N, C-alpha and C. Protein backbone atom coordinates (compact mmCIF):
# COMPACT_ATOMS: atom_id res chain seq x y z
N MET A 1 -36.19 5.62 13.33
CA MET A 1 -35.27 5.69 12.08
C MET A 1 -33.90 5.25 12.42
N LYS A 2 -33.25 5.57 13.51
CA LYS A 2 -32.11 5.12 13.82
C LYS A 2 -31.75 3.81 14.04
N ARG A 3 -32.86 3.33 14.80
CA ARG A 3 -32.90 1.83 15.33
C ARG A 3 -33.19 0.91 14.16
N ILE A 4 -33.89 1.29 12.87
CA ILE A 4 -34.40 0.63 11.76
C ILE A 4 -32.76 0.58 10.90
N LEU A 5 -32.08 1.58 10.92
CA LEU A 5 -30.68 1.44 10.18
C LEU A 5 -29.69 0.74 11.04
N ALA A 6 -29.87 0.72 12.29
CA ALA A 6 -28.86 -0.31 13.01
C ALA A 6 -29.32 -1.58 12.82
N ILE A 7 -30.61 -1.83 12.87
CA ILE A 7 -30.72 -3.34 12.67
C ILE A 7 -30.47 -3.70 11.26
N ALA A 8 -30.65 -2.90 10.26
CA ALA A 8 -30.20 -3.21 8.81
C ALA A 8 -28.84 -3.59 8.66
N ALA A 9 -27.83 -2.56 9.43
CA ALA A 9 -26.58 -2.64 9.41
C ALA A 9 -26.23 -4.24 9.83
N MET A 10 -26.78 -4.48 11.23
CA MET A 10 -26.59 -5.87 11.74
C MET A 10 -27.06 -7.07 10.80
N VAL A 11 -28.11 -6.68 10.16
CA VAL A 11 -28.40 -7.76 9.27
C VAL A 11 -27.48 -7.95 8.23
N LEU A 12 -26.91 -7.02 7.53
CA LEU A 12 -25.79 -7.20 6.46
C LEU A 12 -24.73 -7.69 6.92
N MET A 13 -24.45 -7.40 8.25
CA MET A 13 -23.08 -7.73 8.80
C MET A 13 -23.32 -9.27 8.98
N CYS A 14 -24.33 -9.54 9.51
CA CYS A 14 -24.79 -11.11 9.73
C CYS A 14 -24.68 -11.83 8.40
N CYS A 15 -25.09 -11.23 7.37
CA CYS A 15 -25.01 -12.05 6.09
C CYS A 15 -23.54 -12.07 5.34
N GLY A 16 -22.63 -11.33 6.11
CA GLY A 16 -21.21 -11.31 5.49
C GLY A 16 -21.06 -10.27 4.44
N VAL A 17 -21.81 -9.38 4.54
CA VAL A 17 -21.53 -8.11 3.62
C VAL A 17 -20.90 -7.18 4.45
N ALA A 18 -19.89 -6.61 3.95
CA ALA A 18 -19.01 -5.85 4.37
C ALA A 18 -19.72 -4.18 4.30
N VAL A 19 -19.90 -3.68 5.52
CA VAL A 19 -20.35 -2.35 5.45
C VAL A 19 -19.26 -1.19 5.53
N ALA A 20 -18.84 -0.75 4.41
CA ALA A 20 -17.86 -0.02 4.15
C ALA A 20 -18.03 1.10 3.73
N GLN A 21 -19.35 1.61 3.51
CA GLN A 21 -19.78 2.92 2.67
C GLN A 21 -19.12 4.02 3.48
N GLY A 22 -18.45 4.79 2.83
CA GLY A 22 -17.96 6.14 3.22
C GLY A 22 -16.64 6.02 3.86
N LYS A 23 -16.21 4.97 4.06
CA LYS A 23 -14.74 4.73 4.79
C LYS A 23 -13.80 5.45 4.17
N LYS A 24 -12.89 6.12 5.00
CA LYS A 24 -11.47 7.01 4.33
C LYS A 24 -10.49 6.07 4.19
N VAL A 25 -9.86 6.04 3.07
CA VAL A 25 -8.80 5.22 2.50
C VAL A 25 -7.47 6.00 2.51
N SER A 26 -6.51 5.62 2.87
CA SER A 26 -5.19 6.28 2.79
C SER A 26 -4.20 5.14 2.13
N ILE A 27 -3.41 5.57 1.04
CA ILE A 27 -2.53 4.64 0.54
C ILE A 27 -1.06 5.29 0.61
N LEU A 28 -0.08 4.44 1.19
CA LEU A 28 1.24 4.44 1.29
C LEU A 28 1.96 3.78 0.29
N GLY A 29 2.45 4.28 -0.92
CA GLY A 29 2.93 3.68 -2.04
C GLY A 29 4.18 4.17 -2.69
N ASP A 30 4.37 3.65 -3.91
CA ASP A 30 5.34 4.11 -4.82
C ASP A 30 4.76 4.25 -6.05
N SER A 31 5.47 4.23 -7.30
CA SER A 31 5.27 4.37 -8.49
C SER A 31 4.00 3.98 -9.02
N TYR A 32 3.64 2.71 -8.54
CA TYR A 32 2.39 1.95 -8.90
C TYR A 32 0.90 2.80 -8.32
N SER A 33 1.07 3.65 -7.47
CA SER A 33 -0.04 4.22 -6.90
C SER A 33 0.02 5.93 -7.07
N THR A 34 0.92 6.19 -8.15
CA THR A 34 1.06 7.58 -8.58
C THR A 34 0.36 7.93 -9.55
N PHE A 35 -0.16 9.20 -9.57
CA PHE A 35 -0.78 9.97 -10.77
C PHE A 35 -0.30 11.56 -10.74
N ARG A 36 -0.20 11.89 -11.84
CA ARG A 36 0.32 13.48 -11.80
C ARG A 36 -1.03 14.15 -11.17
N GLY A 37 -0.55 15.10 -10.26
CA GLY A 37 -1.56 15.92 -9.85
C GLY A 37 -2.46 15.23 -8.56
N HIS A 38 -2.03 14.11 -8.06
CA HIS A 38 -2.96 13.32 -7.05
C HIS A 38 -2.04 12.78 -6.16
N ILE A 39 -0.64 13.34 -5.88
CA ILE A 39 0.18 12.97 -4.94
C ILE A 39 0.54 14.09 -4.41
N PRO A 40 1.27 14.34 -2.97
CA PRO A 40 1.83 15.46 -2.39
C PRO A 40 2.88 16.21 -3.57
N ALA A 41 2.86 17.42 -3.40
CA ALA A 41 3.80 18.33 -4.29
C ALA A 41 4.88 18.01 -3.80
N GLY A 42 5.86 17.97 -5.08
CA GLY A 42 7.16 17.62 -4.90
C GLY A 42 7.74 16.19 -4.87
N TYR A 43 6.73 15.20 -4.59
CA TYR A 43 7.07 13.76 -4.85
C TYR A 43 7.19 13.51 -6.49
N ALA A 44 8.18 12.48 -6.34
CA ALA A 44 8.24 12.10 -8.03
C ALA A 44 6.92 11.18 -8.29
N VAL A 45 6.49 11.30 -9.52
CA VAL A 45 5.42 10.56 -10.21
C VAL A 45 5.82 9.88 -11.36
N TRP A 46 5.06 8.71 -11.55
CA TRP A 46 5.30 7.93 -12.90
C TRP A 46 4.24 7.84 -13.85
N TYR A 47 3.08 7.76 -13.18
CA TYR A 47 2.02 7.84 -14.27
C TYR A 47 1.39 9.44 -14.46
N PRO A 48 1.01 9.70 -15.70
CA PRO A 48 1.03 8.82 -17.09
C PRO A 48 2.40 8.67 -17.39
N MET A 49 2.68 7.69 -18.33
CA MET A 49 3.94 7.61 -18.95
C MET A 49 3.77 6.77 -20.52
N ASN A 50 4.49 7.37 -21.16
CA ASN A 50 4.51 6.97 -22.75
C ASN A 50 4.92 5.28 -22.57
N GLY A 51 4.19 4.60 -23.21
CA GLY A 51 4.61 3.23 -23.21
C GLY A 51 3.62 2.27 -22.41
N ASN A 52 2.77 2.98 -21.53
CA ASN A 52 1.77 2.37 -20.73
C ASN A 52 0.39 2.93 -20.79
N ASP A 53 -0.55 2.21 -21.22
CA ASP A 53 -1.85 2.55 -21.45
C ASP A 53 -2.69 3.09 -20.45
N VAL A 54 -2.13 3.39 -19.27
CA VAL A 54 -2.96 4.14 -18.15
C VAL A 54 -2.67 5.55 -18.22
N THR A 55 -3.78 6.10 -18.56
CA THR A 55 -3.67 7.71 -19.01
C THR A 55 -4.55 8.80 -18.29
N ALA A 56 -5.42 7.92 -17.47
CA ALA A 56 -6.27 8.74 -16.78
C ALA A 56 -6.35 8.35 -15.48
N VAL A 57 -6.48 9.29 -14.37
CA VAL A 57 -6.38 8.86 -13.02
C VAL A 57 -7.67 7.73 -12.65
N GLU A 58 -8.72 7.95 -13.40
CA GLU A 58 -9.76 6.85 -13.15
C GLU A 58 -9.39 5.66 -13.44
N GLN A 59 -8.41 5.30 -14.27
CA GLN A 59 -7.86 3.98 -14.52
C GLN A 59 -6.90 3.25 -13.73
N THR A 60 -6.57 4.22 -12.48
CA THR A 60 -5.70 3.65 -11.42
C THR A 60 -6.32 2.57 -10.67
N TRP A 61 -5.69 1.74 -10.02
CA TRP A 61 -6.15 0.79 -9.16
C TRP A 61 -6.78 1.50 -7.96
N TRP A 62 -5.91 2.46 -7.38
CA TRP A 62 -6.79 3.14 -6.03
C TRP A 62 -8.07 3.74 -6.39
N TYR A 63 -8.01 4.51 -7.45
CA TYR A 63 -9.32 5.28 -7.87
C TYR A 63 -10.57 4.41 -7.85
N GLN A 64 -10.15 3.15 -8.77
CA GLN A 64 -11.23 2.34 -9.06
C GLN A 64 -11.88 1.61 -7.65
N PHE A 65 -10.73 1.28 -6.97
CA PHE A 65 -11.19 0.53 -5.62
C PHE A 65 -12.08 1.34 -4.82
N ILE A 66 -11.67 2.83 -4.55
CA ILE A 66 -12.20 3.95 -3.86
C ILE A 66 -13.77 4.22 -4.49
N ASN A 67 -13.68 4.43 -5.77
CA ASN A 67 -14.85 5.07 -6.19
C ASN A 67 -15.75 4.04 -6.59
N ASP A 68 -15.62 2.73 -7.17
CA ASP A 68 -16.43 1.74 -7.29
C ASP A 68 -17.26 1.06 -5.91
N ASN A 69 -16.55 1.59 -4.64
CA ASN A 69 -17.21 0.97 -3.66
C ASN A 69 -17.74 1.68 -2.67
N GLY A 70 -17.76 3.17 -3.04
CA GLY A 70 -18.39 4.27 -2.08
C GLY A 70 -17.55 4.58 -1.23
N LEU A 71 -16.27 4.42 -1.35
CA LEU A 71 -15.32 5.07 -0.10
C LEU A 71 -14.81 6.25 -0.57
N GLN A 72 -14.02 7.03 0.47
CA GLN A 72 -13.33 8.09 0.14
C GLN A 72 -12.02 8.25 0.37
N LEU A 73 -11.08 9.04 -0.64
CA LEU A 73 -9.82 8.95 -0.38
C LEU A 73 -9.59 10.04 0.74
N GLU A 74 -8.56 9.57 1.74
CA GLU A 74 -8.25 10.27 2.53
C GLU A 74 -6.84 11.00 2.11
N GLN A 75 -5.85 10.07 2.09
CA GLN A 75 -4.44 10.61 1.45
C GLN A 75 -3.90 9.62 0.68
N ASN A 76 -3.29 10.13 -0.53
CA ASN A 76 -2.47 9.30 -1.45
C ASN A 76 -1.01 9.64 -1.28
N ASN A 77 -0.40 8.90 -0.37
CA ASN A 77 1.06 9.42 -0.04
C ASN A 77 2.02 8.35 -0.77
N SER A 78 2.07 8.59 -2.20
CA SER A 78 2.90 7.75 -3.07
C SER A 78 4.09 8.63 -3.72
N TYR A 79 5.07 7.87 -3.82
CA TYR A 79 6.47 8.54 -4.09
C TYR A 79 7.25 7.39 -5.06
N SER A 80 7.13 8.05 -6.33
CA SER A 80 7.71 7.13 -7.45
C SER A 80 9.08 6.63 -7.10
N GLY A 81 9.48 5.48 -7.30
CA GLY A 81 10.86 4.88 -7.16
C GLY A 81 11.50 4.71 -5.48
N SER A 82 10.29 4.98 -4.49
CA SER A 82 10.63 4.91 -3.41
C SER A 82 10.89 3.35 -2.70
N THR A 83 11.66 3.23 -1.76
CA THR A 83 11.86 2.08 -1.21
C THR A 83 11.19 2.11 0.33
N VAL A 84 11.13 0.85 0.66
CA VAL A 84 10.71 0.86 2.15
C VAL A 84 11.67 1.28 3.13
N CYS A 85 13.05 0.66 2.73
CA CYS A 85 14.22 0.96 3.85
C CYS A 85 14.79 2.32 3.17
N ASN A 86 15.87 2.70 3.51
CA ASN A 86 16.65 3.89 3.18
C ASN A 86 17.64 3.70 2.11
N THR A 87 17.80 2.40 1.70
CA THR A 87 18.93 2.19 0.65
C THR A 87 18.09 2.09 -0.66
N GLY A 88 18.37 2.90 -1.62
CA GLY A 88 17.73 2.77 -2.97
C GLY A 88 18.58 2.32 -4.23
N TYR A 89 18.19 2.75 -5.17
CA TYR A 89 18.95 2.32 -6.37
C TYR A 89 20.61 2.84 -6.31
N ASN A 90 21.33 1.72 -6.71
CA ASN A 90 22.80 2.26 -6.81
C ASN A 90 23.22 2.54 -5.12
N GLY A 91 22.46 2.00 -4.33
CA GLY A 91 22.95 2.20 -2.91
C GLY A 91 22.91 3.69 -2.54
N GLU A 92 21.92 4.60 -3.18
CA GLU A 92 21.70 5.61 -2.70
C GLU A 92 20.94 5.99 -1.52
N ASP A 93 20.99 6.91 -0.82
CA ASP A 93 20.44 7.37 0.34
C ASP A 93 19.03 7.63 0.15
N TYR A 94 17.90 6.84 0.23
CA TYR A 94 16.57 7.33 0.06
C TYR A 94 15.82 7.73 1.33
N SER A 95 16.39 8.16 2.40
CA SER A 95 15.75 8.52 3.63
C SER A 95 14.76 9.57 3.55
N ASP A 96 14.97 10.53 2.41
CA ASP A 96 13.68 11.51 2.14
C ASP A 96 12.53 10.83 1.54
N ARG A 97 12.71 9.66 0.99
CA ARG A 97 11.40 9.33 0.43
C ARG A 97 10.95 7.98 0.90
N SER A 98 11.76 7.19 1.66
CA SER A 98 11.41 5.97 2.16
C SER A 98 10.08 5.64 2.90
N PHE A 99 9.54 4.62 2.78
CA PHE A 99 8.06 4.48 3.16
C PHE A 99 8.00 4.69 4.70
N TYR A 100 9.04 4.18 5.44
CA TYR A 100 9.05 4.42 6.98
C TYR A 100 8.91 5.97 7.28
N SER A 101 9.63 6.60 6.41
CA SER A 101 9.75 8.24 6.85
C SER A 101 8.57 9.03 6.45
N ARG A 102 7.64 8.19 5.56
CA ARG A 102 6.28 8.99 5.21
C ARG A 102 5.12 8.58 6.29
N ILE A 103 5.34 7.80 7.26
CA ILE A 103 4.20 7.22 7.85
C ILE A 103 3.30 8.24 8.68
N ASN A 104 3.78 9.42 8.97
CA ASN A 104 3.05 10.31 9.73
C ASN A 104 1.95 11.02 8.74
N TYR A 105 2.02 11.01 7.57
CA TYR A 105 1.49 11.75 6.52
C TYR A 105 0.09 11.07 6.11
N LEU A 106 -0.57 10.34 6.54
CA LEU A 106 -1.89 9.49 5.92
C LEU A 106 -2.91 9.89 6.44
N GLY A 107 -3.05 11.08 7.14
CA GLY A 107 -4.32 11.77 7.55
C GLY A 107 -5.11 10.84 8.64
N ASN A 108 -6.35 10.82 8.66
CA ASN A 108 -7.09 10.04 9.51
C ASN A 108 -8.05 8.93 8.87
N PRO A 109 -7.24 7.99 8.49
CA PRO A 109 -8.04 6.97 7.64
C PRO A 109 -8.75 5.91 8.42
N ASP A 110 -9.71 5.25 7.88
CA ASP A 110 -10.17 4.05 8.45
C ASP A 110 -9.37 2.87 7.96
N ILE A 111 -9.13 2.90 6.51
CA ILE A 111 -8.41 1.74 5.98
C ILE A 111 -7.13 2.42 5.34
N ILE A 112 -6.05 1.47 5.82
CA ILE A 112 -4.54 2.03 5.10
C ILE A 112 -4.24 0.70 4.17
N LEU A 113 -3.86 1.20 3.20
CA LEU A 113 -3.39 0.08 2.18
C LEU A 113 -1.76 0.63 1.83
N ILE A 114 -0.83 -0.39 2.33
CA ILE A 114 0.57 -0.04 2.08
C ILE A 114 0.95 -1.08 0.79
N PHE A 115 1.49 -0.34 -0.35
CA PHE A 115 1.61 -0.84 -1.42
C PHE A 115 3.20 -0.73 -1.80
N GLY A 116 4.19 -1.39 -1.23
CA GLY A 116 5.52 -1.09 -1.27
C GLY A 116 6.65 -2.24 -1.18
N CYS A 117 7.55 -2.23 -1.64
CA CYS A 117 8.80 -3.04 -1.68
C CYS A 117 9.14 -3.48 -3.07
N THR A 118 8.49 -3.03 -3.97
CA THR A 118 8.89 -3.22 -5.39
C THR A 118 10.34 -2.92 -5.60
N ASN A 119 10.50 -1.71 -5.10
CA ASN A 119 11.75 -1.06 -5.49
C ASN A 119 12.69 -1.55 -4.59
N ASP A 120 12.52 -2.13 -3.52
CA ASP A 120 13.61 -2.83 -2.63
C ASP A 120 14.02 -3.91 -3.27
N SER A 121 13.14 -4.57 -3.92
CA SER A 121 13.17 -5.74 -4.60
C SER A 121 14.37 -5.55 -6.01
N TRP A 122 13.53 -4.61 -6.79
CA TRP A 122 14.20 -4.24 -7.94
C TRP A 122 15.65 -3.51 -7.51
N ALA A 123 16.04 -2.82 -6.72
CA ALA A 123 17.19 -2.16 -6.33
C ALA A 123 18.08 -3.12 -5.54
N HIS A 124 17.80 -4.11 -5.09
CA HIS A 124 18.31 -5.05 -4.35
C HIS A 124 19.08 -4.55 -3.11
N SER A 125 18.05 -3.88 -2.45
CA SER A 125 18.38 -3.33 -1.23
C SER A 125 18.84 -4.27 -0.21
N PRO A 126 19.63 -4.16 0.67
CA PRO A 126 19.88 -5.10 1.82
C PRO A 126 18.67 -5.71 2.62
N ILE A 127 18.60 -6.90 2.59
CA ILE A 127 17.55 -7.41 3.48
C ILE A 127 17.63 -7.39 4.77
N GLY A 128 18.85 -7.40 5.36
CA GLY A 128 19.04 -7.54 6.86
C GLY A 128 18.66 -8.62 7.62
N GLU A 129 18.33 -8.48 8.91
CA GLU A 129 17.86 -9.35 9.95
C GLU A 129 16.48 -9.06 10.37
N TYR A 130 15.86 -10.02 10.78
CA TYR A 130 14.24 -9.56 11.49
C TYR A 130 14.61 -8.92 12.85
N GLN A 131 14.11 -7.77 12.97
CA GLN A 131 14.32 -6.97 14.23
C GLN A 131 13.08 -6.12 14.68
N TYR A 132 12.64 -6.50 15.79
CA TYR A 132 11.28 -6.05 16.19
C TYR A 132 11.29 -4.80 17.46
N SER A 133 12.40 -4.35 17.75
CA SER A 133 12.54 -3.48 18.61
C SER A 133 13.81 -2.84 18.87
N ASP A 134 14.07 -2.01 19.44
CA ASP A 134 15.28 -1.21 19.64
C ASP A 134 16.15 -0.94 18.11
N TRP A 135 15.49 -0.22 17.28
CA TRP A 135 15.80 0.03 15.99
C TRP A 135 16.74 1.51 16.10
N SER A 136 17.64 1.53 15.12
CA SER A 136 18.64 2.59 15.04
C SER A 136 18.58 3.08 13.74
N LYS A 137 19.04 4.28 13.56
CA LYS A 137 18.87 4.94 12.16
C LYS A 137 19.85 3.89 11.04
N LYS A 138 20.76 3.46 11.50
CA LYS A 138 21.48 2.36 10.55
C LYS A 138 20.76 1.33 10.40
N ASP A 139 19.88 0.72 11.18
CA ASP A 139 19.06 -0.30 10.70
C ASP A 139 17.95 -0.11 9.74
N MET A 140 17.66 1.18 9.54
CA MET A 140 16.80 1.57 8.56
C MET A 140 17.28 1.59 7.11
N TYR A 141 18.37 1.01 6.92
CA TYR A 141 18.90 0.92 5.68
C TYR A 141 18.98 -0.57 5.02
N ALA A 142 18.22 -1.25 5.74
CA ALA A 142 17.89 -2.81 5.30
C ALA A 142 16.46 -2.90 5.67
N PHE A 143 15.99 -3.82 4.55
CA PHE A 143 14.51 -4.03 4.60
C PHE A 143 13.91 -4.46 5.64
N ARG A 144 14.17 -5.63 6.08
CA ARG A 144 13.55 -6.11 7.26
C ARG A 144 13.34 -5.42 8.50
N PRO A 145 14.31 -4.80 8.93
CA PRO A 145 13.97 -3.98 10.22
C PRO A 145 13.44 -2.62 9.99
N ALA A 146 13.54 -2.23 8.59
CA ALA A 146 12.83 -0.99 8.23
C ALA A 146 11.22 -1.13 8.11
N ALA A 147 10.87 -2.62 7.48
CA ALA A 147 9.52 -2.94 7.64
C ALA A 147 9.01 -3.12 8.78
N ALA A 148 9.67 -3.69 9.77
CA ALA A 148 9.06 -3.87 10.96
C ALA A 148 8.94 -2.48 11.67
N TYR A 149 9.78 -1.61 11.54
CA TYR A 149 9.54 -0.47 12.20
C TYR A 149 8.40 0.32 11.57
N MET A 150 8.37 0.28 10.42
CA MET A 150 6.96 1.03 9.81
C MET A 150 5.92 0.45 10.15
N LEU A 151 5.62 -0.94 10.00
CA LEU A 151 4.41 -1.65 10.58
C LEU A 151 3.96 -1.46 12.08
N SER A 152 5.23 -1.56 12.86
CA SER A 152 4.80 -1.03 14.33
C SER A 152 4.27 0.08 14.41
N ASN A 153 4.77 1.13 13.87
CA ASN A 153 4.70 2.54 14.13
C ASN A 153 3.34 2.97 13.57
N ILE A 154 2.89 2.35 12.26
CA ILE A 154 1.76 2.60 11.72
C ILE A 154 0.67 2.24 12.77
N LYS A 155 0.89 0.98 13.12
CA LYS A 155 -0.27 0.20 13.95
C LYS A 155 -0.50 1.40 15.17
N MET A 156 0.64 1.82 15.89
CA MET A 156 0.52 2.88 16.94
C MET A 156 0.09 4.15 16.41
N LEU A 157 0.29 4.54 15.39
CA LEU A 157 -0.22 6.15 15.04
C LEU A 157 -1.68 5.73 14.54
N TYR A 158 -2.26 4.93 13.96
CA TYR A 158 -3.48 4.65 13.33
C TYR A 158 -4.02 3.31 14.20
N PRO A 159 -4.25 3.35 15.51
CA PRO A 159 -4.80 2.25 16.24
C PRO A 159 -6.12 1.59 15.79
N GLU A 160 -7.04 2.60 15.17
CA GLU A 160 -8.24 2.19 14.71
C GLU A 160 -8.51 1.69 13.45
N ALA A 161 -7.54 1.98 12.59
CA ALA A 161 -7.49 1.74 11.23
C ALA A 161 -7.19 0.29 10.80
N GLU A 162 -7.92 -0.12 9.84
CA GLU A 162 -7.71 -1.39 9.38
C GLU A 162 -6.58 -1.39 8.34
N ILE A 163 -5.51 -2.23 8.30
CA ILE A 163 -4.34 -2.00 7.65
C ILE A 163 -4.11 -3.39 6.70
N TYR A 164 -3.68 -3.16 5.55
CA TYR A 164 -3.47 -4.25 4.71
C TYR A 164 -2.11 -4.02 3.92
N TYR A 165 -1.30 -4.86 3.40
CA TYR A 165 -0.31 -4.95 2.85
C TYR A 165 -0.28 -5.61 1.60
N LEU A 166 -0.30 -4.79 0.48
CA LEU A 166 -0.49 -5.12 -1.10
C LEU A 166 1.09 -5.74 -1.43
N LEU A 167 1.21 -6.95 -2.01
CA LEU A 167 2.39 -7.52 -2.26
C LEU A 167 2.50 -7.95 -3.72
N ASN A 168 3.17 -7.11 -4.50
CA ASN A 168 3.42 -7.11 -5.99
C ASN A 168 3.78 -8.48 -6.45
N SER A 169 3.42 -8.82 -7.42
CA SER A 169 3.84 -10.12 -8.14
C SER A 169 5.26 -10.14 -8.55
N GLU A 170 5.75 -11.16 -9.05
CA GLU A 170 7.33 -11.30 -9.73
C GLU A 170 8.43 -10.48 -8.74
N LEU A 171 8.41 -10.40 -7.37
CA LEU A 171 9.52 -9.91 -6.74
C LEU A 171 10.37 -10.97 -6.23
N ASP A 172 11.69 -10.65 -5.74
CA ASP A 172 12.43 -11.48 -5.21
C ASP A 172 11.83 -12.45 -3.92
N ASP A 173 12.40 -13.71 -4.02
CA ASP A 173 11.67 -14.54 -2.86
C ASP A 173 12.12 -14.14 -1.53
N ALA A 174 13.28 -13.55 -1.39
CA ALA A 174 13.78 -12.98 -0.04
C ALA A 174 12.80 -11.76 0.36
N ILE A 175 12.31 -11.10 -0.48
CA ILE A 175 11.32 -9.96 -0.25
C ILE A 175 9.90 -10.67 0.14
N ASN A 176 9.41 -11.46 -0.61
CA ASN A 176 8.16 -12.15 -0.53
C ASN A 176 8.16 -12.70 1.21
N GLU A 177 9.16 -13.44 1.34
CA GLU A 177 9.29 -14.23 2.64
C GLU A 177 9.19 -13.07 3.72
N SER A 178 9.98 -11.95 3.32
CA SER A 178 10.18 -11.07 4.56
C SER A 178 8.84 -10.19 4.87
N VAL A 179 8.11 -9.97 3.78
CA VAL A 179 6.82 -9.07 4.10
C VAL A 179 5.97 -10.11 4.68
N ASN A 180 5.91 -11.42 4.34
CA ASN A 180 4.80 -12.41 5.04
C ASN A 180 5.29 -12.61 6.53
N THR A 181 6.59 -12.78 6.75
CA THR A 181 7.01 -12.81 8.12
C THR A 181 6.58 -11.73 9.05
N VAL A 182 7.15 -10.45 8.62
CA VAL A 182 6.87 -9.27 9.32
C VAL A 182 5.60 -8.93 9.47
N CYS A 183 4.68 -8.97 8.58
CA CYS A 183 3.04 -8.62 8.52
C CYS A 183 2.67 -9.65 9.34
N ALA A 184 3.13 -10.94 9.33
CA ALA A 184 2.48 -11.97 10.39
C ALA A 184 2.71 -11.58 11.90
N LYS A 185 3.86 -10.81 12.05
CA LYS A 185 4.50 -10.52 13.32
C LYS A 185 3.32 -9.40 13.85
N TYR A 186 2.87 -8.62 13.25
CA TYR A 186 1.97 -7.49 13.43
C TYR A 186 0.61 -7.61 13.13
N GLN A 187 0.23 -8.80 12.70
CA GLN A 187 -1.21 -9.19 12.32
C GLN A 187 -1.76 -8.38 11.64
N ILE A 188 -1.01 -8.03 10.18
CA ILE A 188 -1.44 -7.39 9.11
C ILE A 188 -1.62 -8.18 8.04
N PRO A 189 -2.87 -8.07 7.36
CA PRO A 189 -3.09 -9.33 6.21
C PRO A 189 -2.27 -8.84 5.02
N VAL A 190 -1.74 -9.84 4.29
CA VAL A 190 -0.96 -9.68 3.18
C VAL A 190 -1.89 -10.02 1.87
N ILE A 191 -2.25 -9.12 1.20
CA ILE A 191 -2.77 -9.28 -0.41
C ILE A 191 -1.73 -9.54 -1.41
N ALA A 192 -1.60 -10.90 -1.86
CA ALA A 192 -0.40 -11.34 -2.50
C ALA A 192 -1.09 -10.91 -4.01
N LEU A 193 -0.76 -9.99 -4.51
CA LEU A 193 -1.39 -9.99 -6.01
C LEU A 193 -0.89 -11.07 -6.99
N LYS A 194 -1.75 -11.33 -7.89
CA LYS A 194 -1.68 -12.58 -9.00
C LYS A 194 -2.20 -12.04 -10.37
N ASN A 195 -1.42 -12.37 -11.51
CA ASN A 195 -1.62 -12.21 -12.79
C ASN A 195 -2.07 -10.79 -13.02
N ILE A 196 -0.95 -9.79 -12.64
CA ILE A 196 -1.15 -8.41 -13.16
C ILE A 196 -0.39 -8.17 -14.18
N ASP A 197 -1.15 -7.71 -15.41
CA ASP A 197 -0.73 -7.30 -16.43
C ASP A 197 0.20 -6.09 -16.29
N LYS A 198 1.38 -5.98 -16.88
CA LYS A 198 2.14 -4.71 -17.02
C LYS A 198 2.82 -4.35 -18.19
N GLN A 199 3.01 -3.14 -18.23
CA GLN A 199 3.74 -2.58 -19.47
C GLN A 199 4.81 -1.68 -18.60
N LEU A 200 5.96 -1.67 -19.37
CA LEU A 200 7.29 -1.18 -18.70
C LEU A 200 7.43 -1.32 -17.16
N GLY A 201 6.99 -2.70 -16.81
CA GLY A 201 7.07 -3.21 -15.40
C GLY A 201 6.09 -2.49 -14.47
N HIS A 202 5.07 -1.81 -14.88
CA HIS A 202 4.10 -1.28 -14.41
C HIS A 202 2.74 -1.61 -14.80
N PRO A 203 1.69 -1.71 -13.80
CA PRO A 203 0.43 -2.11 -14.13
C PRO A 203 -0.32 -1.34 -15.36
N SER A 204 -0.89 -2.11 -16.33
CA SER A 204 -1.44 -1.51 -17.43
C SER A 204 -2.92 -1.27 -16.99
N GLN A 205 -3.79 -0.71 -17.83
CA GLN A 205 -5.32 -0.67 -17.41
C GLN A 205 -5.68 -2.11 -17.27
N ALA A 206 -5.35 -3.24 -17.70
CA ALA A 206 -5.99 -4.44 -17.43
C ALA A 206 -5.21 -4.73 -15.91
N GLY A 207 -4.19 -4.58 -15.53
CA GLY A 207 -3.56 -4.89 -14.40
C GLY A 207 -3.82 -3.98 -13.36
N MET A 208 -4.25 -2.75 -13.45
CA MET A 208 -4.96 -1.85 -12.53
C MET A 208 -6.10 -2.37 -11.97
N LYS A 209 -6.99 -2.63 -13.13
CA LYS A 209 -8.37 -3.25 -12.72
C LYS A 209 -8.20 -4.60 -11.80
N ALA A 210 -7.14 -5.53 -12.35
CA ALA A 210 -7.06 -6.65 -11.61
C ALA A 210 -6.66 -6.35 -9.94
N ILE A 211 -5.79 -5.35 -9.98
CA ILE A 211 -5.42 -5.03 -8.78
C ILE A 211 -6.63 -4.56 -7.87
N SER A 212 -7.38 -3.61 -8.37
CA SER A 212 -8.63 -3.09 -7.77
C SER A 212 -9.69 -4.25 -7.32
N GLU A 213 -9.72 -5.28 -7.99
CA GLU A 213 -10.63 -6.16 -7.74
C GLU A 213 -10.12 -7.17 -6.66
N GLN A 214 -8.55 -7.55 -6.73
CA GLN A 214 -8.08 -8.23 -5.92
C GLN A 214 -8.05 -7.71 -4.51
N VAL A 215 -8.02 -6.27 -4.26
CA VAL A 215 -8.01 -5.67 -3.17
C VAL A 215 -9.41 -5.71 -2.56
N ALA A 216 -10.46 -5.32 -3.44
CA ALA A 216 -11.84 -5.40 -2.96
C ALA A 216 -12.06 -6.68 -2.22
N LYS A 217 -11.86 -7.56 -3.02
CA LYS A 217 -12.05 -9.01 -2.62
C LYS A 217 -11.46 -9.42 -1.32
N ALA A 218 -10.23 -8.89 -0.94
CA ALA A 218 -9.79 -8.95 0.47
C ALA A 218 -10.13 -8.01 1.55
N VAL A 219 -10.35 -6.69 1.07
CA VAL A 219 -10.62 -5.85 2.15
C VAL A 219 -12.22 -5.84 2.37
N LEU A 220 -13.00 -6.03 1.33
CA LEU A 220 -14.45 -5.68 1.27
C LEU A 220 -15.07 -7.26 1.39
N LYS A 221 -14.45 -8.06 1.04
CA LYS A 221 -15.06 -9.54 1.00
C LYS A 221 -16.11 -9.48 -0.28
N LYS A 222 -15.76 -9.03 -1.23
CA LYS A 222 -16.49 -8.88 -2.70
C LYS A 222 -16.23 -10.04 -3.53
């Protein structure tokens, strides 16, 4: 029986069908990936929100991606308003919520989806210079070195995981360029989202569905 299953799996892979059933997925995100009651206690949450038609967790992009493809949620570590670097809105110190400060809390995933930098763009956080080693605490207050530190350490912490970076649409050119450059350095695929419908700057039901479909196409080759 085991031999038959193994042969079947090989046939599927040879045919280009992704064998992902049951894989564990962790999300490192911001408001776009939150929903009340489905992120760690004490984290700021955005969904549900008056003025946006996403009113049930089943309508979120990550729930659809995981549920529709037979995957499992390992951890949703998403914090509304968070930046990748330590510099948030109005120059405030966001080191208590920045992406790089939460990388240790993703469980034991097979797939990691990083969906961040929207707030770095909106808050006009410092871009900084590309830096791939010898980071200091001061360096973490600019986007490029913080992003590099985050990705470098995620790869070390989760060496067996598939890692993908989801890049929101309608962001500053400098942020887009930086994400693509840093991800290329660490050989992490970028899923550049397109045509995402939004209400109050956040994905609507239609936008959530589009994100789920685009992620599935990139990750599962669907």
